[in-house]
Amino acid sequence: MKTIHRTRLLLEPASAGHPLLAAILVARDGWKELGKLLENLRKQTIQSELELVIVADSPEKLVVPASKLHGFHSVQALELSPLKSVSDGHFSGALLARAALVVFCEEHCFPDPGWAAALVQAHEGPWAAVGPLMRNHNPARAVSRALMDVEHGCFCDPSQAGVRDYLPGHNSCYKKQALLDFSHRLDSLQDTEYLLHLEMRQAGWQLFQSAEARAAHTNVSLFWPAVGVCFDSGRCFAADRSADWPFPKRIVFALGSPLLPFLRHWRHIGFLKRSKDRGKTPTFLPLHFFFFAVDAVGQMLGNLAGCGSSYARLCDLEFQRYRFLPPEEAAFFEVADEH
């Protein structure tokens, strides 16, 4: 299918100057899925210097009430069809942005008011990308706490802020020029930012995690969807990493997969000791190890047989996060109709 790109301004620039930072938002199902995120972005201390780039696959989904966009420097809309994934939307939107800095946003991750200003300040350094300090937005259930540690645990400890090898995927801020340097490779790198970060470091760039740029991530908190997240994430990660490997090397890594839960659990013990969430329920530690084990099974299969259908499931999971939450948590995402 031919890719369609159409752009238009939803909000004219408030000043002649360029915005300091562009936030890239992907609306697969319309503006209402971005409602809570837009509320947080409007609370930014530098909102008037913030450009929004909203990406969707049809013009109807790009119709946003003017009240939701008031106060931003400018707002651009990009129609991208087909919209293959949230990463496809992020990187396509980043190339359209007018700001020199671009930050990827998820509809279920909510930045603190000083987040944007802290990202801009951190980028005064020579970093290709700056990541935020993450915390759990919905820590009531053990499933959410365990999954947070599996996916983002190493990005939750303020004592580890500084130069990093990797940063949170879908939530980090890049110098646009750094992305342009890899524009010829983005199609193969965009869905696994781990690989992009690896190649950036190999090219001489550095990555930085800011302790002042903070964001709260909403995790899947229902058991079986969380199991699916771990399996599919592990499978896609291993498949992308091993895509160019000779088959004997892939077999070696597949055979080593049973060791991963033990190694990763041990590596995260330091974080677990510092975490305020640890010990709220006796199921947390066993669940934490179990999710690492499910991820390892996914990695074994990814090394041997590729990504399969896991990629499509992961892409779907990034949207409408409330579908994978209990009713009391899903209610947070409700946004009233507005015309």
Protein backbone atom coordinates (compact mmCIF):
# COMPACT_ATOMS: atom_id res chain seq x y z
CA MET A 1 0.00 0.00 0.00
CA LYS A 2 1.31 3.44 -0.88
CA THR A 3 2.22 5.65 2.06
CA ILE A 4 0.21 8.88 2.26
CA HIS A 5 1.78 11.96 3.83
CA ARG A 6 -0.34 15.08 4.27
CA THR A 7 0.48 17.88 6.66
CA ARG A 8 -1.32 20.95 7.93
CA LEU A 9 -1.16 23.46 10.77
CA LEU A 10 -3.71 23.02 13.54
CA LEU A 11 -2.37 26.03 15.44
CA GLU A 12 -0.37 28.84 13.86
CA PRO A 13 2.97 29.71 15.50
CA ALA A 14 2.47 32.11 18.38
CA SER A 15 5.75 33.88 17.59
CA ALA A 16 8.21 34.24 14.74
CA GLY A 17 10.89 32.20 16.50
CA HIS A 18 11.30 28.45 16.40
CA PRO A 19 9.95 26.35 19.27
CA LEU A 20 12.47 24.95 21.75
CA LEU A 21 11.04 21.44 21.75
CA ALA A 22 8.64 19.38 19.62
CA ALA A 23 6.51 16.70 21.30
CA ILE A 24 5.50 13.91 18.91
CA LEU A 25 2.08 12.37 19.64
CA VAL A 26 0.49 9.43 17.80
CA ALA A 27 -3.32 9.22 17.68
CA ARG A 28 -4.26 5.92 16.08
CA ASP A 29 -7.84 6.12 17.34
CA GLY A 30 -8.47 9.87 17.47
CA TRP A 31 -7.64 12.80 19.72
CA LYS A 32 -9.50 11.50 22.77
CA GLU A 33 -6.86 8.84 23.39
CA LEU A 34 -4.43 11.76 23.81
CA GLY A 35 -6.73 13.66 26.16
CA LYS A 36 -4.92 13.01 29.44
CA LEU A 37 -1.51 13.45 27.85
CA LEU A 38 -2.56 16.82 26.39
CA GLU A 39 -3.66 17.92 29.86
CA ASN A 40 -0.17 17.21 31.19
CA LEU A 41 1.53 18.90 28.26
CA ARG A 42 -0.54 22.03 28.84
CA LYS A 43 0.86 22.16 32.39
CA GLN A 44 4.47 22.38 31.18
CA THR A 45 6.37 25.39 32.50
CA ILE A 46 7.54 26.16 28.94
CA GLN A 47 4.26 25.33 27.19
CA SER A 48 4.51 28.44 25.01
CA GLU A 49 7.84 27.14 23.63
CA LEU A 50 6.46 23.68 22.93
CA GLU A 51 5.48 22.51 19.45
CA LEU A 52 3.13 19.55 19.04
CA VAL A 53 3.23 17.22 16.05
CA ILE A 54 0.16 14.94 16.04
CA VAL A 55 0.28 11.90 13.76
CA ALA A 56 -2.74 9.83 12.67
CA ASP A 57 -3.77 7.73 9.67
CA SER A 58 -6.81 9.76 8.60
CA PRO A 59 -7.84 13.44 8.64
CA GLU A 60 -10.87 12.71 10.85
CA LYS A 61 -8.59 11.59 13.68
CA LEU A 62 -6.65 14.84 13.47
CA VAL A 63 -9.63 17.01 14.39
CA VAL A 64 -8.74 18.27 17.89
CA PRO A 65 -10.82 20.80 19.88
CA ALA A 66 -9.12 24.20 19.88
CA SER A 67 -9.32 24.37 23.68
CA LYS A 68 -6.98 21.38 23.94
CA LEU A 69 -4.31 23.14 21.86
CA HIS A 70 -4.45 26.61 23.40
CA GLY A 71 -1.16 27.95 24.71
CA PHE A 72 1.29 25.90 22.66
CA HIS A 73 3.81 27.53 20.36
CA SER A 74 2.31 25.71 17.36
CA VAL A 75 0.63 22.44 16.42
CA GLN A 76 1.22 20.45 13.23
CA ALA A 77 -0.80 17.49 11.99
CA LEU A 78 0.61 14.66 9.90
CA GLU A 79 -1.60 12.16 8.10
CA LEU A 80 0.43 8.99 7.72
CA SER A 81 -1.25 6.02 6.07
CA PRO A 82 -0.65 3.25 6.71
CA LEU A 83 0.38 4.00 10.29
CA LYS A 84 2.39 0.87 11.01
CA SER A 85 3.23 1.44 14.67
CA VAL A 86 3.70 4.10 17.34
CA SER A 87 7.40 4.15 16.40
CA ASP A 88 6.52 4.77 12.75
CA GLY A 89 4.45 7.77 13.85
CA HIS A 90 7.13 9.04 16.21
CA PHE A 91 9.97 9.05 13.70
CA SER A 92 7.85 10.38 10.82
CA GLY A 93 6.60 13.19 13.06
CA ALA A 94 10.11 13.98 14.25
CA LEU A 95 11.30 14.59 10.69
CA LEU A 96 8.44 17.09 10.23
CA ALA A 97 9.14 19.04 13.43
CA ARG A 98 10.58 22.55 13.27
CA ALA A 99 12.22 22.42 16.69
CA ALA A 100 15.84 21.30 17.03
CA LEU A 101 14.81 18.90 19.81
CA VAL A 102 12.09 16.24 19.51
CA VAL A 103 10.60 14.15 22.29
CA PHE A 104 8.50 11.03 21.81
CA CYS A 105 5.31 10.76 23.87
CA GLU A 106 3.01 7.84 24.70
CA GLU A 107 -0.67 8.35 25.43
CA HIS A 108 -0.24 6.46 28.72
CA CYS A 109 2.91 8.22 30.02
CA PHE A 110 2.41 11.53 31.81
CA PRO A 111 5.21 14.09 32.27
CA ASP A 112 5.62 16.30 35.33
CA PRO A 113 5.28 20.09 34.76
CA GLY A 114 9.04 20.67 34.67
CA TRP A 115 9.74 17.76 32.30
CA ALA A 116 10.04 19.75 29.06
CA ALA A 117 12.23 22.48 30.58
CA ALA A 118 14.53 19.85 32.09
CA LEU A 119 14.92 18.06 28.75
CA VAL A 120 15.82 21.31 27.00
CA GLN A 121 18.32 22.21 29.72
CA ALA A 122 19.94 18.77 29.64
CA HIS A 123 20.34 19.01 25.85
CA GLU A 124 22.76 21.88 26.33
CA GLY A 125 25.20 19.01 26.74
CA PRO A 126 26.62 16.99 23.83
CA TRP A 127 23.99 14.26 24.06
CA ALA A 128 22.25 12.66 21.09
CA ALA A 129 19.31 11.82 23.35
CA VAL A 130 18.12 12.58 26.87
CA GLY A 131 15.79 10.25 28.75
CA PRO A 132 13.47 11.01 31.67
CA LEU A 133 13.42 9.52 35.14
CA MET A 134 10.49 7.11 35.12
CA ARG A 135 8.05 6.13 37.86
CA ASN A 136 4.97 3.94 38.08
CA HIS A 137 1.70 5.76 37.42
CA ASN A 138 -0.50 2.85 38.59
CA PRO A 139 1.41 0.93 41.30
CA ALA A 140 -1.61 -0.47 43.19
CA ARG A 141 -1.36 -3.97 41.68
CA ALA A 142 1.59 -6.34 41.93
CA VAL A 143 1.35 -7.05 38.19
CA SER A 144 1.94 -3.38 37.39
CA ARG A 145 4.85 -3.08 39.82
CA ALA A 146 6.56 -6.20 38.51
CA LEU A 147 6.08 -5.18 34.88
CA MET A 148 7.42 -1.70 35.62
CA ASP A 149 10.61 -3.24 36.93
CA VAL A 150 10.95 -5.58 33.97
CA GLU A 151 10.43 -2.83 31.38
CA HIS A 152 11.65 0.38 33.04
CA GLY A 153 13.23 -0.54 36.37
CA CYS A 154 16.73 0.57 35.39
CA PHE A 155 15.36 4.02 34.51
CA CYS A 156 13.63 4.65 37.87
CA ASP A 157 16.64 5.18 40.13
CA PRO A 158 17.71 8.85 40.40
CA SER A 159 21.16 7.83 41.64
CA GLN A 160 21.81 6.27 38.21
CA ALA A 161 21.05 9.45 36.25
CA GLY A 162 23.86 10.60 34.00
CA VAL A 163 25.55 9.09 30.96
CA ARG A 164 23.76 5.86 30.01
CA ASP A 165 24.13 3.13 27.42
CA TYR A 166 20.38 3.09 26.70
CA LEU A 167 17.31 5.21 27.42
CA PRO A 168 13.55 4.56 27.75
CA GLY A 169 12.02 3.66 24.40
CA HIS A 170 9.07 5.77 23.16
CA ASN A 171 9.76 8.39 25.86
CA SER A 172 13.16 9.95 25.13
CA CYS A 173 14.17 13.28 23.64
CA TYR A 174 16.53 13.52 20.66
CA LYS A 175 18.50 16.18 18.92
CA LYS A 176 16.82 16.21 15.53
CA GLN A 177 20.18 16.32 13.81
CA ALA A 178 21.17 13.08 15.52
CA LEU A 179 18.09 11.40 14.06
CA LEU A 180 18.80 12.86 10.64
CA ASP A 181 22.28 11.31 10.78
CA PHE A 182 20.52 7.93 10.88
CA SER A 183 17.68 8.75 8.48
CA HIS A 184 18.93 6.13 6.00
CA ARG A 185 18.59 3.46 8.72
CA LEU A 186 15.48 4.56 10.60
CA ASP A 187 13.20 2.06 8.87
CA SER A 188 15.20 -0.79 10.37
CA LEU A 189 16.02 0.87 13.72
CA GLN A 190 12.88 2.71 14.72
CA ASP A 191 10.95 -0.19 16.20
CA THR A 192 13.75 -1.15 18.58
CA GLU A 193 15.24 2.03 20.02
CA TYR A 194 17.77 -0.14 21.88
CA LEU A 195 19.44 -0.77 18.50
CA LEU A 196 19.27 2.91 17.55
CA HIS A 197 20.95 3.83 20.84
CA LEU A 198 23.61 1.19 20.22
CA GLU A 199 24.41 2.56 16.78
CA MET A 200 24.41 6.14 18.09
CA ARG A 201 27.03 5.21 20.67
CA GLN A 202 29.06 3.35 18.06
CA ALA A 203 29.01 6.53 15.95
CA GLY A 204 30.45 8.56 18.84
CA TRP A 205 27.27 10.05 20.31
CA GLN A 206 26.48 9.89 24.02
CA LEU A 207 23.16 9.34 25.80
CA PHE A 208 22.06 10.98 29.06
CA GLN A 209 19.34 10.39 31.63
CA SER A 210 18.08 13.47 33.45
CA ALA A 211 17.00 13.20 37.09
CA GLU A 212 14.94 16.39 36.72
CA ALA A 213 12.85 15.36 33.68
CA ARG A 214 10.28 13.05 35.28
CA ALA A 215 7.38 11.06 33.85
CA ALA A 216 4.81 8.58 35.19
CA HIS A 217 4.25 5.47 33.06
CA THR A 218 0.97 3.52 33.09
CA ASN A 219 1.69 -0.20 33.00
CA VAL A 220 -0.49 -3.09 31.93
CA SER A 221 -1.87 -4.37 35.24
CA LEU A 222 -4.00 -7.38 34.20
CA PHE A 223 -2.14 -10.68 34.47
CA TRP A 224 -2.61 -12.35 31.07
CA PRO A 225 -2.06 -9.19 28.99
CA ALA A 226 1.11 -8.59 31.04
CA VAL A 227 2.32 -12.11 30.23
CA GLY A 228 1.74 -11.32 26.57
CA VAL A 229 3.72 -8.08 26.86
CA CYS A 230 6.73 -9.89 28.28
CA PHE A 231 6.67 -12.68 25.72
CA ASP A 232 6.13 -10.43 22.70
CA SER A 233 8.69 -7.85 23.86
CA GLY A 234 11.31 -10.51 24.39
CA ARG A 235 10.62 -12.15 21.06
CA CYS A 236 10.72 -8.90 19.06
CA PHE A 237 13.85 -7.67 20.84
CA ALA A 238 15.75 -10.87 20.15
CA ALA A 239 14.50 -11.09 16.56
CA ASP A 240 15.59 -7.51 15.78
CA ARG A 241 18.95 -7.89 17.51
CA SER A 242 19.78 -11.17 15.75
CA ALA A 243 18.40 -10.28 12.30
CA ASP A 244 21.87 -10.08 10.72
CA TRP A 245 23.51 -12.81 12.77
CA PRO A 246 24.61 -16.15 11.30
CA PHE A 247 22.33 -18.98 12.36
CA PRO A 248 24.93 -20.69 14.62
CA LYS A 249 25.22 -17.50 16.71
CA ARG A 250 21.44 -17.32 17.00
CA ILE A 251 21.37 -20.91 18.25
CA VAL A 252 24.00 -20.11 20.90
CA PHE A 253 21.97 -17.17 22.21
CA ALA A 254 18.77 -19.24 22.14
CA LEU A 255 20.44 -21.96 24.20
CA GLY A 256 21.61 -19.34 26.69
CA SER A 257 18.12 -17.87 27.14
CA PRO A 258 17.26 -19.99 30.25
CA LEU A 259 19.99 -18.10 32.15
CA LEU A 260 18.43 -14.70 31.46
CA PRO A 261 15.83 -14.61 34.27
CA PHE A 262 18.51 -15.34 36.87
CA LEU A 263 20.97 -12.79 35.49
CA ARG A 264 18.38 -10.06 35.02
CA HIS A 265 16.77 -10.65 38.40
CA TRP A 266 20.13 -10.36 40.12
CA ARG A 267 20.96 -7.20 38.18
CA HIS A 268 17.73 -5.59 39.38
CA ILE A 269 18.12 -6.49 43.06
CA GLY A 270 19.65 -3.08 43.78
CA PHE A 271 16.65 -1.34 42.29
CA LEU A 272 14.26 -3.59 44.19
CA LYS A 273 15.90 -2.68 47.49
CA ARG A 274 15.46 1.03 46.78
CA SER A 275 11.93 0.77 45.37
CA LYS A 276 9.11 2.06 47.56
CA ASP A 277 6.83 -0.49 45.91
CA ARG A 278 8.80 -3.54 47.07
CA GLY A 279 7.06 -5.78 49.56
CA LYS A 280 3.53 -4.42 49.28
CA THR A 281 2.35 -7.92 48.40
CA PRO A 282 4.15 -11.28 48.77
CA THR A 283 3.54 -12.01 45.07
CA PHE A 284 5.75 -9.17 43.79
CA LEU A 285 9.15 -10.87 43.83
CA PRO A 286 7.97 -14.21 42.38
CA LEU A 287 6.00 -12.30 39.74
CA HIS A 288 9.04 -10.21 38.89
CA PHE A 289 11.09 -13.37 38.25
CA PHE A 290 8.22 -15.01 36.35
CA PHE A 291 7.97 -12.07 33.92
CA PHE A 292 11.71 -12.25 33.29
CA ALA A 293 11.30 -15.97 32.55
CA VAL A 294 8.45 -15.32 30.08
CA ASP A 295 10.61 -12.68 28.38
CA ALA A 296 13.41 -15.25 28.11
CA VAL A 297 11.09 -17.74 26.41
CA GLY A 298 10.18 -15.01 23.93
CA GLN A 299 13.86 -14.25 23.32
CA MET A 300 14.59 -17.92 22.69
CA LEU A 301 11.88 -18.09 20.04
CA GLY A 302 12.87 -14.71 18.56
CA ASN A 303 16.46 -15.86 18.09
CA LEU A 304 15.36 -19.03 16.34
CA ALA A 305 12.24 -18.04 14.38
CA GLY A 306 12.01 -14.27 14.19
CA CYS A 307 9.27 -11.95 15.40
CA GLY A 308 6.22 -13.75 14.02
CA SER A 309 2.92 -12.20 15.11
CA SER A 310 4.43 -10.62 18.24
CA TYR A 311 5.17 -7.34 16.48
CA ALA A 312 1.52 -6.72 15.55
CA ARG A 313 0.39 -7.46 19.12
CA LEU A 314 2.97 -5.09 20.59
CA CYS A 315 1.94 -2.32 18.20
CA ASP A 316 -1.68 -2.69 19.25
CA LEU A 317 -0.74 -2.64 22.94
CA GLU A 318 0.76 0.84 22.68
CA PHE A 319 -2.68 2.36 22.05
CA GLN A 320 -5.74 2.57 24.31
CA ARG A 321 -3.85 1.34 27.37
CA TYR A 322 -7.10 1.39 29.39
CA ARG A 323 -8.08 -1.88 27.67
CA PHE A 324 -5.42 -3.65 29.73
CA LEU A 325 -6.32 -2.14 33.10
CA PRO A 326 -8.94 -2.99 35.74
CA PRO A 327 -12.03 -0.72 35.70
CA GLU A 328 -10.88 1.43 38.62
CA GLU A 329 -7.66 2.30 36.76
CA ALA A 330 -9.19 2.53 33.29
CA ALA A 331 -11.59 5.24 34.50
CA PHE A 332 -8.66 7.67 34.72
CA PHE A 333 -8.43 7.74 30.91
CA GLU A 334 -12.03 8.83 30.32
CA VAL A 335 -12.24 12.14 28.45
CA ALA A 336 -15.50 14.02 28.01
CA ASP A 337 -16.70 14.82 24.48
CA GLU A 338 -15.87 18.33 23.38
CA HIS A 339 -16.68 20.11 20.16
